[in-house]
């Protein structure tokens, strides 16, 4: 079972400020898929600031560019 313990904030994967995790279940058969680490207010504020800073450039990207970026984020998370 995988536990995702980092969050993508400000263009990089960062460790959350809390160690509380939440189970993630498959809605089809209710099997446990894994766990994710929750965020606190510091993580949320950092994410909002990162999103605001990234928006001007991100809003000019194409759908294909966005797909590539999201795939890269997924690859980074998988590598740990």
C-alpha atoms as a PDB file:
ATOM      1  CA  UNK A   1       0.000   0.000   0.000  1.00  0.00           C
ATOM      2  CA  UNK A   2       1.417   3.363  -1.030  1.00  0.00           C
ATOM      3  CA  UNK A   3       1.471   6.433   1.196  1.00  0.00           C
ATOM      4  CA  UNK A   4       1.883   9.735  -0.610  1.00  0.00           C
ATOM      5  CA  UNK A   5       3.681  11.917   1.895  1.00  0.00           C
ATOM      6  CA  UNK A   6       4.523  14.968  -0.191  1.00  0.00           C
ATOM      7  CA  UNK A   7       2.579  17.706  -1.910  1.00  0.00           C
ATOM      8  CA  UNK A   8       3.320  19.608  -5.106  1.00  0.00           C
ATOM      9  CA  UNK A   9       3.678  23.234  -3.993  1.00  0.00           C
ATOM     10  CA  UNK A  10       5.537  26.027  -5.737  1.00  0.00           C
ATOM     11  CA  UNK A  11       6.827  23.780  -8.512  1.00  0.00           C
ATOM     12  CA  UNK A  12       8.319  21.075  -6.300  1.00  0.00           C
ATOM     13  CA  UNK A  13       7.338  18.179  -4.105  1.00  0.00           C
ATOM     14  CA  UNK A  14       7.510  19.209  -0.457  1.00  0.00           C
ATOM     15  CA  UNK A  15       6.877  17.394   2.796  1.00  0.00           C
ATOM     16  CA  UNK A  16       3.701  18.437   4.563  1.00  0.00           C
ATOM     17  CA  UNK A  17       3.916  20.229   7.887  1.00  0.00           C
ATOM     18  CA  UNK A  18       1.759  17.531   9.498  1.00  0.00           C
ATOM     19  CA  UNK A  19       2.121  13.759   9.645  1.00  0.00           C
ATOM     20  CA  UNK A  20      -1.598  12.933   9.711  1.00  0.00           C
ATOM     21  CA  UNK A  21      -2.690  10.642   6.893  1.00  0.00           C
ATOM     22  CA  UNK A  22      -6.048   9.850   5.333  1.00  0.00           C
ATOM     23  CA  UNK A  23      -7.024   6.532   3.776  1.00  0.00           C
ATOM     24  CA  UNK A  24      -8.069   6.618   0.107  1.00  0.00           C
ATOM     25  CA  UNK A  25     -10.617   4.018  -0.961  1.00  0.00           C
ATOM     26  CA  UNK A  26     -11.654   2.795  -4.395  1.00  0.00           C
ATOM     27  CA  UNK A  27     -15.276   3.945  -4.776  1.00  0.00           C
ATOM     28  CA  UNK A  28     -16.132   0.909  -6.915  1.00  0.00           C
ATOM     29  CA  UNK A  29     -15.292  -1.862  -4.463  1.00  0.00           C
ATOM     30  CA  UNK A  30     -14.263   0.034  -1.297  1.00  0.00           C
ATOM     31  CA  UNK A  31     -10.759  -1.471  -1.293  1.00  0.00           C
ATOM     32  CA  UNK A  32      -7.970   0.572   0.247  1.00  0.00           C
ATOM     33  CA  UNK A  33      -5.846   2.194  -2.493  1.00  0.00           C
ATOM     34  CA  UNK A  34      -3.356   3.905  -0.200  1.00  0.00           C
ATOM     35  CA  UNK A  35      -2.931   6.854   2.106  1.00  0.00           C
ATOM     36  CA  UNK A  36      -2.226  10.553   1.592  1.00  0.00           C
ATOM     37  CA  UNK A  37      -0.687  13.003   4.032  1.00  0.00           C
ATOM     38  CA  UNK A  38      -2.999  15.865   4.856  1.00  0.00           C
ATOM     39  CA  UNK A  39      -2.072  19.549   4.715  1.00  0.00           C
ATOM     40  CA  UNK A  40      -2.299  22.219   7.361  1.00  0.00           C
ATOM     41  CA  UNK A  41      -2.864  25.968   7.025  1.00  0.00           C
ATOM     42  CA  UNK A  42       0.839  26.626   6.320  1.00  0.00           C
ATOM     43  CA  UNK A  43       0.781  24.130   3.443  1.00  0.00           C
ATOM     44  CA  UNK A  44      -2.415  25.673   2.075  1.00  0.00           C
ATOM     45  CA  UNK A  45      -1.036  29.217   2.277  1.00  0.00           C
ATOM     46  CA  UNK A  46       2.153  28.094   0.500  1.00  0.00           C
ATOM     47  CA  UNK A  47       0.094  26.356  -2.183  1.00  0.00           C
ATOM     48  CA  UNK A  48      -2.046  29.449  -2.762  1.00  0.00           C
ATOM     49  CA  UNK A  49       1.032  31.667  -3.041  1.00  0.00           C
ATOM     50  CA  UNK A  50       2.643  29.204  -5.458  1.00  0.00           C
ATOM     51  CA  UNK A  51      -0.507  29.004  -7.584  1.00  0.00           C
ATOM     52  CA  UNK A  52      -0.810  32.788  -7.775  1.00  0.00           C
ATOM     53  CA  UNK A  53       2.834  33.107  -8.826  1.00  0.00           C
ATOM     54  CA  UNK A  54       2.518  30.352 -11.449  1.00  0.00           C
ATOM     55  CA  UNK A  55      -0.824  31.404 -12.932  1.00  0.00           C
ATOM     56  CA  UNK A  56       0.358  33.985 -15.502  1.00  0.00           C
ATOM     57  CA  UNK A  57       2.716  31.511 -17.215  1.00  0.00           C
ATOM     58  CA  UNK A  58       0.510  28.428 -16.662  1.00  0.00           C
ATOM     59  CA  UNK A  59      -2.535  30.119 -18.188  1.00  0.00           C
ATOM     60  CA  UNK A  60      -0.624  30.542 -21.457  1.00  0.00           C
ATOM     61  CA  UNK A  61       0.286  26.849 -21.814  1.00  0.00           C
ATOM     62  CA  UNK A  62      -1.480  24.493 -24.189  1.00  0.00           C
ATOM     63  CA  UNK A  63      -3.412  21.411 -23.154  1.00  0.00           C
ATOM     64  CA  UNK A  64      -0.560  19.198 -24.391  1.00  0.00           C
ATOM     65  CA  UNK A  65       1.996  21.136 -22.327  1.00  0.00           C
ATOM     66  CA  UNK A  66      -0.185  20.788 -19.232  1.00  0.00           C
ATOM     67  CA  UNK A  67      -0.501  17.040 -19.799  1.00  0.00           C
ATOM     68  CA  UNK A  68       3.299  16.730 -20.003  1.00  0.00           C
ATOM     69  CA  UNK A  69       3.759  18.714 -16.787  1.00  0.00           C
ATOM     70  CA  UNK A  70       1.227  16.611 -14.894  1.00  0.00           C
ATOM     71  CA  UNK A  71       2.899  13.416 -16.130  1.00  0.00           C
ATOM     72  CA  UNK A  72       6.262  14.742 -14.869  1.00  0.00           C
ATOM     73  CA  UNK A  73       4.765  15.475 -11.458  1.00  0.00           C
ATOM     74  CA  UNK A  74       3.352  11.955 -11.335  1.00  0.00           C
ATOM     75  CA  UNK A  75       6.758  10.517 -12.305  1.00  0.00           C
ATOM     76  CA  UNK A  76       8.473  12.532  -9.552  1.00  0.00           C
ATOM     77  CA  UNK A  77       5.988  11.296  -6.969  1.00  0.00           C
ATOM     78  CA  UNK A  78       6.456   7.690  -8.082  1.00  0.00           C
ATOM     79  CA  UNK A  79      10.250   7.965  -7.726  1.00  0.00           C
ATOM     80  CA  UNK A  80       9.873   9.317  -4.204  1.00  0.00           C
END
